Amino acid sequence: MKHSETLGIAVSKKLKERGWTLRQASIRTHVSHNTIGDMAQGIIPGRGMVIQWAEGLNESVNEWLILAGYDPIPTELCLPAGTPPEVREEIMRLLKKSNA
């Protein structure tokens, strides 16, 4: 398993900022409480989980990917405002699957 002290600190800080337990964070981000606990200890999950975590927080996916040691999503793949939700969901599903 890969580790990142930076990721662990950032996840722990985010939980504290929001006043969330692992289970509360899990409900809001749709990432399992076990995975969030691992992340808070610096264990790096798959790229798809990092994306899901960031989206659940409504924060920058690329910032969280970088914290976890992954390459950011190239700007040319970022979706413009007004992209239909079903298109966005399919693209994100494929991105998550490509590096799960």
N, C-alpha and C. Protein backbone atom coordinates (compact mmCIF):
# COMPACT_ATOMS: atom_id res chain seq x y z
N MET A 1 0.83 -1.20 0.00
CA MET A 1 0.00 0.00 0.00
C MET A 1 0.87 1.25 0.00
N LYS A 2 0.46 2.20 -0.79
CA LYS A 2 1.19 3.47 -0.84
C LYS A 2 0.68 4.37 0.29
N HIS A 3 1.60 5.17 0.83
CA HIS A 3 1.26 6.08 1.91
C HIS A 3 1.62 7.51 1.54
N SER A 4 0.86 8.44 2.12
CA SER A 4 1.14 9.86 1.94
C SER A 4 0.77 10.58 3.23
N GLU A 5 1.78 11.05 3.92
CA GLU A 5 1.52 11.81 5.15
C GLU A 5 0.70 13.06 4.84
N THR A 6 0.98 13.67 3.69
CA THR A 6 0.26 14.87 3.29
C THR A 6 -1.23 14.60 3.13
N LEU A 7 -1.57 13.49 2.49
CA LEU A 7 -2.97 13.13 2.33
C LEU A 7 -3.62 12.89 3.68
N GLY A 8 -2.95 12.15 4.55
CA GLY A 8 -3.49 11.86 5.87
C GLY A 8 -3.79 13.13 6.66
N ILE A 9 -2.87 14.06 6.62
CA ILE A 9 -3.06 15.33 7.33
C ILE A 9 -4.24 16.10 6.73
N ALA A 10 -4.32 16.14 5.39
CA ALA A 10 -5.39 16.89 4.72
C ALA A 10 -6.76 16.29 5.02
N VAL A 11 -6.88 14.97 5.00
CA VAL A 11 -8.16 14.32 5.29
C VAL A 11 -8.55 14.56 6.74
N SER A 12 -7.61 14.38 7.65
CA SER A 12 -7.90 14.61 9.08
C SER A 12 -8.33 16.06 9.32
N LYS A 13 -7.65 16.99 8.68
CA LYS A 13 -7.99 18.40 8.81
C LYS A 13 -9.39 18.67 8.29
N LYS A 14 -9.72 18.08 7.13
CA LYS A 14 -11.03 18.29 6.53
C LYS A 14 -12.13 17.75 7.44
N LEU A 15 -11.93 16.58 8.01
CA LEU A 15 -12.91 16.00 8.93
C LEU A 15 -13.12 16.92 10.13
N LYS A 16 -12.03 17.42 10.66
CA LYS A 16 -12.10 18.31 11.83
C LYS A 16 -12.80 19.62 11.47
N GLU A 17 -12.43 20.21 10.31
CA GLU A 17 -13.05 21.47 9.86
C GLU A 17 -14.56 21.35 9.77
N ARG A 18 -15.00 20.23 9.25
CA ARG A 18 -16.44 20.04 9.03
C ARG A 18 -17.14 19.42 10.23
N GLY A 19 -16.36 19.02 11.22
CA GLY A 19 -16.95 18.43 12.41
C GLY A 19 -17.60 17.08 12.14
N TRP A 20 -17.03 16.33 11.21
CA TRP A 20 -17.60 15.06 10.80
C TRP A 20 -16.89 13.88 11.44
N THR A 21 -17.67 12.87 11.80
CA THR A 21 -17.11 11.57 12.14
C THR A 21 -16.84 10.85 10.81
N LEU A 22 -16.19 9.71 10.88
CA LEU A 22 -15.95 8.94 9.66
C LEU A 22 -17.27 8.54 9.00
N ARG A 23 -18.23 8.16 9.81
CA ARG A 23 -19.53 7.74 9.26
C ARG A 23 -20.29 8.92 8.64
N GLN A 24 -20.23 10.08 9.27
CA GLN A 24 -20.88 11.27 8.69
C GLN A 24 -20.23 11.64 7.36
N ALA A 25 -18.90 11.57 7.31
CA ALA A 25 -18.19 11.86 6.06
C ALA A 25 -18.56 10.84 4.99
N SER A 26 -18.72 9.60 5.39
CA SER A 26 -19.08 8.55 4.45
C SER A 26 -20.44 8.81 3.82
N ILE A 27 -21.39 9.22 4.64
CA ILE A 27 -22.73 9.53 4.14
C ILE A 27 -22.68 10.67 3.14
N ARG A 28 -21.89 11.67 3.42
CA ARG A 28 -21.84 12.86 2.57
C ARG A 28 -21.01 12.67 1.30
N THR A 29 -20.01 11.81 1.36
CA THR A 29 -19.11 11.66 0.21
C THR A 29 -19.32 10.35 -0.57
N HIS A 30 -20.06 9.43 0.01
CA HIS A 30 -20.28 8.11 -0.59
C HIS A 30 -18.98 7.31 -0.72
N VAL A 31 -18.04 7.59 0.18
CA VAL A 31 -16.81 6.82 0.31
C VAL A 31 -16.95 6.08 1.64
N SER A 32 -16.61 4.80 1.69
CA SER A 32 -16.81 4.03 2.91
C SER A 32 -16.03 4.64 4.08
N HIS A 33 -16.59 4.49 5.27
CA HIS A 33 -15.92 5.04 6.46
C HIS A 33 -14.57 4.37 6.67
N ASN A 34 -14.43 3.11 6.28
CA ASN A 34 -13.14 2.43 6.41
C ASN A 34 -12.09 3.07 5.50
N THR A 35 -12.50 3.38 4.27
CA THR A 35 -11.58 4.02 3.33
C THR A 35 -11.19 5.41 3.81
N ILE A 36 -12.15 6.15 4.33
CA ILE A 36 -11.85 7.49 4.85
C ILE A 36 -10.88 7.38 6.04
N GLY A 37 -11.12 6.41 6.91
CA GLY A 37 -10.20 6.19 8.03
C GLY A 37 -8.81 5.86 7.56
N ASP A 38 -8.72 5.02 6.52
CA ASP A 38 -7.40 4.70 5.95
C ASP A 38 -6.75 5.94 5.37
N MET A 39 -7.53 6.74 4.65
CA MET A 39 -6.99 7.97 4.06
C MET A 39 -6.47 8.90 5.15
N ALA A 40 -7.20 8.99 6.27
CA ALA A 40 -6.77 9.85 7.37
C ALA A 40 -5.46 9.36 8.00
N GLN A 41 -5.17 8.08 7.78
CA GLN A 41 -3.90 7.52 8.26
C GLN A 41 -2.82 7.58 7.19
N GLY A 42 -3.17 8.17 6.03
CA GLY A 42 -2.19 8.35 4.97
C GLY A 42 -2.15 7.24 3.95
N ILE A 43 -3.08 6.29 4.04
CA ILE A 43 -3.12 5.21 3.05
C ILE A 43 -3.85 5.73 1.80
N ILE A 44 -3.20 5.63 0.67
CA ILE A 44 -3.73 6.18 -0.57
C ILE A 44 -4.69 5.18 -1.22
N PRO A 45 -5.94 5.58 -1.41
CA PRO A 45 -6.89 4.69 -2.09
C PRO A 45 -6.72 4.80 -3.61
N GLY A 46 -7.51 4.06 -4.34
CA GLY A 46 -7.49 4.16 -5.79
C GLY A 46 -7.90 5.56 -6.26
N ARG A 47 -7.47 5.88 -7.43
CA ARG A 47 -7.77 7.20 -8.01
C ARG A 47 -9.26 7.51 -7.99
N GLY A 48 -10.09 6.51 -8.31
CA GLY A 48 -11.54 6.71 -8.33
C GLY A 48 -12.09 7.13 -6.98
N MET A 49 -11.55 6.55 -5.91
CA MET A 49 -12.01 6.92 -4.57
C MET A 49 -11.61 8.34 -4.22
N VAL A 50 -10.44 8.76 -4.67
CA VAL A 50 -10.01 10.14 -4.42
C VAL A 50 -10.95 11.10 -5.14
N ILE A 51 -11.30 10.76 -6.38
CA ILE A 51 -12.23 11.59 -7.15
C ILE A 51 -13.58 11.66 -6.44
N GLN A 52 -14.07 10.51 -6.00
CA GLN A 52 -15.36 10.47 -5.32
C GLN A 52 -15.33 11.29 -4.03
N TRP A 53 -14.24 11.19 -3.27
CA TRP A 53 -14.06 11.96 -2.03
C TRP A 53 -14.12 13.46 -2.33
N ALA A 54 -13.35 13.89 -3.32
CA ALA A 54 -13.31 15.33 -3.66
C ALA A 54 -14.67 15.82 -4.13
N GLU A 55 -15.33 15.04 -4.98
CA GLU A 55 -16.66 15.44 -5.45
C GLU A 55 -17.64 15.51 -4.30
N GLY A 56 -17.55 14.56 -3.37
CA GLY A 56 -18.44 14.55 -2.21
C GLY A 56 -18.23 15.77 -1.32
N LEU A 57 -17.00 16.26 -1.30
CA LEU A 57 -16.69 17.47 -0.53
C LEU A 57 -17.04 18.73 -1.31
N ASN A 58 -17.30 18.57 -2.61
CA ASN A 58 -17.51 19.69 -3.52
C ASN A 58 -16.25 20.56 -3.57
N GLU A 59 -15.12 19.87 -3.68
CA GLU A 59 -13.82 20.55 -3.75
C GLU A 59 -13.09 20.11 -5.01
N SER A 60 -11.98 20.75 -5.27
CA SER A 60 -11.21 20.48 -6.47
C SER A 60 -10.72 19.03 -6.52
N VAL A 61 -11.16 18.33 -7.55
CA VAL A 61 -10.70 16.96 -7.75
C VAL A 61 -9.19 16.95 -7.96
N ASN A 62 -8.69 17.86 -8.77
CA ASN A 62 -7.25 17.86 -9.05
C ASN A 62 -6.41 18.14 -7.82
N GLU A 63 -6.87 19.00 -6.94
CA GLU A 63 -6.10 19.26 -5.71
C GLU A 63 -6.00 17.99 -4.86
N TRP A 64 -7.10 17.25 -4.74
CA TRP A 64 -7.08 16.01 -3.95
C TRP A 64 -6.28 14.93 -4.66
N LEU A 65 -6.35 14.86 -5.99
CA LEU A 65 -5.53 13.88 -6.71
C LEU A 65 -4.05 14.14 -6.46
N ILE A 66 -3.66 15.39 -6.51
CA ILE A 66 -2.25 15.75 -6.28
C ILE A 66 -1.84 15.41 -4.85
N LEU A 67 -2.72 15.71 -3.87
CA LEU A 67 -2.42 15.36 -2.47
C LEU A 67 -2.19 13.86 -2.31
N ALA A 68 -2.91 13.07 -3.10
CA ALA A 68 -2.79 11.62 -3.02
C ALA A 68 -1.65 11.06 -3.87
N GLY A 69 -0.97 11.94 -4.59
CA GLY A 69 0.16 11.50 -5.39
C GLY A 69 -0.19 11.09 -6.81
N TYR A 70 -1.40 11.40 -7.24
CA TYR A 70 -1.82 11.09 -8.61
C TYR A 70 -1.64 12.31 -9.50
N ASP A 71 -1.53 12.05 -10.80
CA ASP A 71 -1.51 13.15 -11.75
C ASP A 71 -2.90 13.76 -11.82
N PRO A 72 -2.98 15.07 -11.98
CA PRO A 72 -4.30 15.71 -12.12
C PRO A 72 -4.93 15.34 -13.45
N ILE A 73 -6.23 15.56 -13.52
CA ILE A 73 -6.95 15.36 -14.77
C ILE A 73 -6.55 16.50 -15.70
N PRO A 74 -6.10 16.19 -16.92
CA PRO A 74 -5.68 17.25 -17.84
C PRO A 74 -6.81 18.27 -18.08
N THR A 75 -6.43 19.51 -18.19
CA THR A 75 -7.39 20.59 -18.39
C THR A 75 -8.30 20.33 -19.57
N GLU A 76 -7.75 19.74 -20.63
CA GLU A 76 -8.57 19.50 -21.81
C GLU A 76 -9.68 18.48 -21.56
N LEU A 77 -9.57 17.72 -20.48
CA LEU A 77 -10.63 16.77 -20.14
C LEU A 77 -11.63 17.35 -19.15
N CYS A 78 -11.36 18.54 -18.63
CA CYS A 78 -12.30 19.16 -17.71
C CYS A 78 -13.55 19.55 -18.48
N LEU A 79 -14.67 19.38 -17.84
CA LEU A 79 -15.94 19.58 -18.52
C LEU A 79 -16.43 21.01 -18.39
N PRO A 80 -16.93 21.57 -19.48
CA PRO A 80 -17.44 22.94 -19.42
C PRO A 80 -18.76 23.02 -18.68
N ALA A 81 -19.05 24.18 -18.14
CA ALA A 81 -20.34 24.40 -17.49
C ALA A 81 -21.44 24.10 -18.50
N GLY A 82 -22.51 23.52 -18.02
CA GLY A 82 -23.63 23.20 -18.88
C GLY A 82 -23.56 21.82 -19.50
N THR A 83 -22.50 21.06 -19.19
CA THR A 83 -22.43 19.69 -19.68
C THR A 83 -23.58 18.90 -19.05
N PRO A 84 -24.37 18.20 -19.85
CA PRO A 84 -25.49 17.44 -19.29
C PRO A 84 -25.01 16.45 -18.22
N PRO A 85 -25.77 16.32 -17.14
CA PRO A 85 -25.36 15.44 -16.04
C PRO A 85 -25.06 14.01 -16.47
N GLU A 86 -25.84 13.47 -17.41
CA GLU A 86 -25.61 12.09 -17.83
C GLU A 86 -24.28 11.93 -18.57
N VAL A 87 -23.87 12.96 -19.30
CA VAL A 87 -22.58 12.94 -20.00
C VAL A 87 -21.47 13.03 -18.97
N ARG A 88 -21.61 13.94 -18.03
CA ARG A 88 -20.61 14.12 -16.97
C ARG A 88 -20.45 12.83 -16.17
N GLU A 89 -21.56 12.21 -15.80
CA GLU A 89 -21.50 10.97 -15.01
C GLU A 89 -20.79 9.86 -15.77
N GLU A 90 -21.07 9.73 -17.05
CA GLU A 90 -20.42 8.68 -17.84
C GLU A 90 -18.92 8.93 -17.97
N ILE A 91 -18.53 10.17 -18.21
CA ILE A 91 -17.10 10.50 -18.31
C ILE A 91 -16.41 10.23 -16.98
N MET A 92 -17.02 10.64 -15.88
CA MET A 92 -16.41 10.42 -14.57
C MET A 92 -16.34 8.93 -14.25
N ARG A 93 -17.36 8.17 -14.65
CA ARG A 93 -17.34 6.72 -14.42
C ARG A 93 -16.16 6.10 -15.15
N LEU A 94 -15.93 6.51 -16.38
CA LEU A 94 -14.83 5.98 -17.16
C LEU A 94 -13.48 6.38 -16.57
N LEU A 95 -13.36 7.62 -16.10
CA LEU A 95 -12.11 8.06 -15.47
C LEU A 95 -11.82 7.25 -14.21
N LYS A 96 -12.86 7.06 -13.39
CA LYS A 96 -12.68 6.29 -12.14
C LYS A 96 -12.29 4.87 -12.46
N LYS A 97 -12.93 4.27 -13.45
CA LYS A 97 -12.68 2.88 -13.82
C LYS A 97 -11.27 2.71 -14.38
N SER A 98 -10.77 3.72 -15.08
CA SER A 98 -9.48 3.60 -15.73
C SER A 98 -8.32 3.48 -14.75
N ASN A 99 -8.52 3.91 -13.53
CA ASN A 99 -7.44 3.86 -12.55
C ASN A 99 -7.95 3.47 -11.17
N ALA A 100 -8.95 2.62 -11.12
CA ALA A 100 -9.55 2.24 -9.84
C ALA A 100 -8.59 1.51 -8.95
